[in-house]
Amino acid sequence: MSDKVENKEWQNREVGALWLNVNQSSGDKYLTGQINGEKVIMFKNKYKEENPKAPDFRVYKQKDPEAPAKSESAKEEPKDSFEEDDLI
């Protein structure tokens, strides 16, 4: 009986789920899924070694594939971008 109660508690606390993906061309690993109904993508922080207080991973909202494309300067990788290998 306690297993059912514990399972229900975990179900009530769940906010989302993530799946491991591998980029077929580069072999880089990343996670995708949903958190609180929002589609997200997560990458390992490749600048972690430079700053030990930096987060290990970053989570981003996924882009809407039907949204209009942004300018080339907006498409550039952010300064605190992340390495996708050795995610887990």
N, C-alpha and C. Protein backbone atom coordinates (compact mmCIF):
# COMPACT_ATOMS: atom_id res chain seq x y z
N MET A 1 0.83 -1.20 0.00
CA MET A 1 0.00 0.00 0.00
C MET A 1 0.86 1.25 0.00
N SER A 2 1.97 1.25 0.74
CA SER A 2 2.82 2.43 0.82
C SER A 2 3.45 2.76 -0.53
N ASP A 3 3.68 1.74 -1.39
CA ASP A 3 4.23 2.00 -2.72
C ASP A 3 3.26 2.83 -3.55
N LYS A 4 1.96 2.53 -3.44
CA LYS A 4 0.96 3.30 -4.17
C LYS A 4 0.93 4.75 -3.69
N VAL A 5 1.00 4.94 -2.38
CA VAL A 5 0.98 6.29 -1.82
C VAL A 5 2.22 7.06 -2.29
N GLU A 6 3.38 6.41 -2.25
CA GLU A 6 4.61 7.07 -2.67
C GLU A 6 4.57 7.40 -4.16
N ASN A 7 4.08 6.48 -4.99
CA ASN A 7 3.96 6.73 -6.42
C ASN A 7 3.04 7.91 -6.70
N LYS A 8 1.93 7.99 -5.98
CA LYS A 8 0.99 9.09 -6.18
C LYS A 8 1.64 10.41 -5.79
N GLU A 9 2.42 10.39 -4.71
CA GLU A 9 3.11 11.62 -4.29
C GLU A 9 4.06 12.09 -5.38
N TRP A 10 4.83 11.16 -5.95
CA TRP A 10 5.77 11.54 -7.02
C TRP A 10 5.01 12.05 -8.24
N GLN A 11 3.89 11.44 -8.58
CA GLN A 11 3.08 11.91 -9.71
C GLN A 11 2.59 13.33 -9.46
N ASN A 12 2.18 13.62 -8.25
CA ASN A 12 1.68 14.96 -7.90
C ASN A 12 2.79 16.00 -7.95
N ARG A 13 4.02 15.60 -7.72
CA ARG A 13 5.15 16.54 -7.70
C ARG A 13 5.82 16.71 -9.06
N GLU A 14 5.51 15.85 -10.01
CA GLU A 14 6.17 15.90 -11.32
C GLU A 14 5.84 17.20 -12.05
N VAL A 15 6.86 17.83 -12.64
CA VAL A 15 6.66 19.06 -13.40
C VAL A 15 6.97 18.88 -14.88
N GLY A 16 7.54 17.73 -15.24
CA GLY A 16 7.85 17.51 -16.64
C GLY A 16 8.67 16.26 -16.85
N ALA A 17 9.15 16.11 -18.08
CA ALA A 17 9.97 14.96 -18.44
C ALA A 17 10.93 15.36 -19.54
N LEU A 18 12.11 14.73 -19.55
CA LEU A 18 13.14 15.02 -20.56
C LEU A 18 13.62 13.72 -21.20
N TRP A 19 14.00 13.82 -22.46
CA TRP A 19 14.52 12.68 -23.20
C TRP A 19 15.91 13.01 -23.71
N LEU A 20 16.81 12.02 -23.63
CA LEU A 20 18.16 12.16 -24.14
C LEU A 20 18.14 12.03 -25.65
N ASN A 21 18.80 12.95 -26.34
CA ASN A 21 18.91 12.94 -27.79
C ASN A 21 20.39 13.01 -28.16
N VAL A 22 20.73 12.51 -29.32
CA VAL A 22 22.09 12.58 -29.83
C VAL A 22 22.04 13.17 -31.24
N ASN A 23 22.80 14.23 -31.46
CA ASN A 23 22.91 14.82 -32.79
C ASN A 23 23.61 13.80 -33.68
N GLN A 24 22.96 13.36 -34.75
CA GLN A 24 23.51 12.29 -35.58
C GLN A 24 24.77 12.69 -36.31
N SER A 25 24.92 13.95 -36.66
CA SER A 25 26.11 14.36 -37.40
C SER A 25 27.32 14.58 -36.49
N SER A 26 27.10 15.10 -35.28
CA SER A 26 28.23 15.41 -34.39
C SER A 26 28.37 14.46 -33.21
N GLY A 27 27.31 13.73 -32.90
CA GLY A 27 27.35 12.84 -31.74
C GLY A 27 27.12 13.56 -30.43
N ASP A 28 26.86 14.87 -30.47
CA ASP A 28 26.63 15.66 -29.26
C ASP A 28 25.31 15.24 -28.61
N LYS A 29 25.29 15.23 -27.28
CA LYS A 29 24.10 14.84 -26.52
C LYS A 29 23.40 16.08 -25.97
N TYR A 30 22.07 16.02 -25.90
CA TYR A 30 21.26 17.08 -25.33
C TYR A 30 19.93 16.49 -24.89
N LEU A 31 19.19 17.22 -24.09
CA LEU A 31 17.89 16.75 -23.60
C LEU A 31 16.78 17.64 -24.16
N THR A 32 15.64 17.02 -24.48
CA THR A 32 14.46 17.78 -24.88
C THR A 32 13.27 17.22 -24.11
N GLY A 33 12.25 18.04 -23.99
CA GLY A 33 11.04 17.58 -23.31
C GLY A 33 10.14 18.73 -22.95
N GLN A 34 9.38 18.54 -21.87
CA GLN A 34 8.45 19.57 -21.40
C GLN A 34 8.59 19.75 -19.90
N ILE A 35 8.53 20.99 -19.48
CA ILE A 35 8.48 21.34 -18.06
C ILE A 35 7.32 22.31 -17.90
N ASN A 36 6.37 21.94 -17.05
CA ASN A 36 5.16 22.74 -16.84
C ASN A 36 4.48 23.09 -18.16
N GLY A 37 4.44 22.13 -19.09
CA GLY A 37 3.75 22.33 -20.36
C GLY A 37 4.53 23.13 -21.38
N GLU A 38 5.73 23.59 -21.05
CA GLU A 38 6.57 24.38 -21.96
C GLU A 38 7.61 23.46 -22.59
N LYS A 39 7.72 23.48 -23.92
CA LYS A 39 8.74 22.68 -24.59
C LYS A 39 10.10 23.30 -24.31
N VAL A 40 11.06 22.44 -23.88
CA VAL A 40 12.38 22.92 -23.51
C VAL A 40 13.47 22.07 -24.15
N ILE A 41 14.69 22.64 -24.17
CA ILE A 41 15.88 21.95 -24.62
C ILE A 41 16.99 22.29 -23.63
N MET A 42 17.83 21.30 -23.29
CA MET A 42 18.85 21.51 -22.26
C MET A 42 20.21 21.07 -22.79
N PHE A 43 21.22 21.93 -22.55
CA PHE A 43 22.59 21.67 -22.96
C PHE A 43 23.53 21.78 -21.77
N LYS A 44 24.66 21.07 -21.85
CA LYS A 44 25.72 21.17 -20.85
C LYS A 44 26.42 22.52 -21.03
N ASN A 45 26.81 23.15 -19.93
CA ASN A 45 27.50 24.43 -19.96
C ASN A 45 28.97 24.20 -20.29
N LYS A 46 29.40 24.63 -21.48
CA LYS A 46 30.79 24.39 -21.86
C LYS A 46 31.75 25.37 -21.18
N TYR A 47 31.24 26.37 -20.49
CA TYR A 47 32.10 27.31 -19.78
C TYR A 47 32.19 26.99 -18.30
N LYS A 48 31.73 25.85 -17.87
CA LYS A 48 31.74 25.46 -16.47
C LYS A 48 33.15 25.46 -15.89
N GLU A 49 34.14 25.01 -16.64
CA GLU A 49 35.52 24.96 -16.15
C GLU A 49 36.07 26.35 -15.87
N GLU A 50 35.62 27.36 -16.62
CA GLU A 50 36.08 28.72 -16.42
C GLU A 50 35.53 29.33 -15.13
N ASN A 51 34.36 28.89 -14.71
CA ASN A 51 33.71 29.44 -13.53
C ASN A 51 33.04 28.31 -12.76
N PRO A 52 33.66 27.83 -11.69
CA PRO A 52 33.08 26.69 -10.96
C PRO A 52 31.70 26.98 -10.36
N LYS A 53 31.34 28.24 -10.23
CA LYS A 53 30.02 28.58 -9.68
C LYS A 53 28.94 28.64 -10.77
N ALA A 54 29.35 28.49 -12.01
CA ALA A 54 28.40 28.52 -13.11
C ALA A 54 27.54 27.25 -13.06
N PRO A 55 26.34 27.32 -13.62
CA PRO A 55 25.48 26.13 -13.62
C PRO A 55 26.08 25.03 -14.50
N ASP A 56 25.76 23.80 -14.20
CA ASP A 56 26.24 22.66 -14.98
C ASP A 56 25.49 22.54 -16.30
N PHE A 57 24.21 22.90 -16.29
CA PHE A 57 23.35 22.80 -17.47
C PHE A 57 22.52 24.07 -17.57
N ARG A 58 22.04 24.36 -18.79
CA ARG A 58 21.11 25.46 -19.03
C ARG A 58 19.90 24.91 -19.76
N VAL A 59 18.72 25.41 -19.41
CA VAL A 59 17.47 24.99 -20.02
C VAL A 59 16.90 26.19 -20.77
N TYR A 60 16.53 25.96 -22.02
CA TYR A 60 15.97 27.01 -22.87
C TYR A 60 14.58 26.59 -23.35
N LYS A 61 13.73 27.58 -23.58
CA LYS A 61 12.46 27.32 -24.26
C LYS A 61 12.81 26.97 -25.69
N GLN A 62 12.11 25.96 -26.23
CA GLN A 62 12.36 25.61 -27.62
C GLN A 62 11.71 26.63 -28.53
N LYS A 63 12.36 26.90 -29.65
CA LYS A 63 11.80 27.82 -30.64
C LYS A 63 10.60 27.19 -31.32
N ASP A 64 9.65 28.03 -31.66
CA ASP A 64 8.49 27.58 -32.42
C ASP A 64 8.95 27.41 -33.87
N PRO A 65 8.88 26.21 -34.44
CA PRO A 65 9.38 26.01 -35.80
C PRO A 65 8.60 26.80 -36.85
N GLU A 66 7.41 27.27 -36.50
CA GLU A 66 6.61 28.04 -37.44
C GLU A 66 6.80 29.54 -37.28
N ALA A 67 7.60 29.95 -36.29
CA ALA A 67 7.83 31.38 -36.06
C ALA A 67 8.73 31.92 -37.17
N PRO A 68 8.56 33.20 -37.54
CA PRO A 68 9.41 33.78 -38.57
C PRO A 68 10.87 33.80 -38.14
N ALA A 69 11.77 33.63 -39.10
CA ALA A 69 13.20 33.60 -38.80
C ALA A 69 13.67 34.98 -38.34
N LYS A 70 14.62 34.99 -37.39
CA LYS A 70 15.19 36.24 -36.89
C LYS A 70 16.36 36.64 -37.78
N SER A 71 16.84 37.86 -37.58
CA SER A 71 17.99 38.33 -38.36
C SER A 71 19.21 37.48 -38.05
N GLU A 72 20.22 37.53 -38.91
CA GLU A 72 21.43 36.72 -38.73
C GLU A 72 22.12 37.03 -37.41
N SER A 73 22.15 38.29 -36.97
CA SER A 73 22.82 38.62 -35.70
C SER A 73 22.09 38.02 -34.51
N ALA A 74 20.78 37.88 -34.60
CA ALA A 74 20.01 37.29 -33.51
C ALA A 74 20.19 35.78 -33.46
N LYS A 75 20.62 35.16 -34.57
CA LYS A 75 20.79 33.72 -34.63
C LYS A 75 22.12 33.27 -34.05
N GLU A 76 23.06 34.21 -33.83
CA GLU A 76 24.36 33.84 -33.32
C GLU A 76 24.24 33.17 -31.96
N GLU A 77 25.17 32.26 -31.68
CA GLU A 77 25.17 31.53 -30.42
C GLU A 77 25.46 32.51 -29.28
N PRO A 78 24.71 32.44 -28.17
CA PRO A 78 24.95 33.35 -27.05
C PRO A 78 26.32 33.13 -26.43
N LYS A 79 26.84 34.16 -25.77
CA LYS A 79 28.16 34.11 -25.17
C LYS A 79 28.29 32.94 -24.20
N ASP A 80 27.25 32.66 -23.43
CA ASP A 80 27.32 31.56 -22.46
C ASP A 80 26.70 30.29 -23.02
N SER A 81 27.04 29.98 -24.29
CA SER A 81 26.50 28.78 -24.91
C SER A 81 27.10 27.53 -24.29
N PHE A 82 26.60 26.39 -24.71
CA PHE A 82 26.94 25.17 -24.01
C PHE A 82 27.46 24.10 -24.93
N GLU A 83 28.32 23.30 -24.40
CA GLU A 83 28.85 22.15 -25.08
C GLU A 83 27.83 21.03 -24.97
N GLU A 84 27.63 20.31 -26.03
CA GLU A 84 26.61 19.28 -26.01
C GLU A 84 27.18 17.90 -25.72
N ASP A 85 28.51 17.71 -25.75
CA ASP A 85 29.02 16.38 -25.50
C ASP A 85 29.14 16.11 -24.01
N ASP A 86 29.13 14.85 -23.68
CA ASP A 86 29.24 14.40 -22.29
C ASP A 86 28.15 14.98 -21.42
N LEU A 87 26.94 15.01 -21.93
CA LEU A 87 25.82 15.59 -21.18
C LEU A 87 25.53 14.82 -19.92
N ILE A 88 25.54 13.52 -20.02
CA ILE A 88 25.20 12.73 -18.85
C ILE A 88 26.29 11.74 -18.58
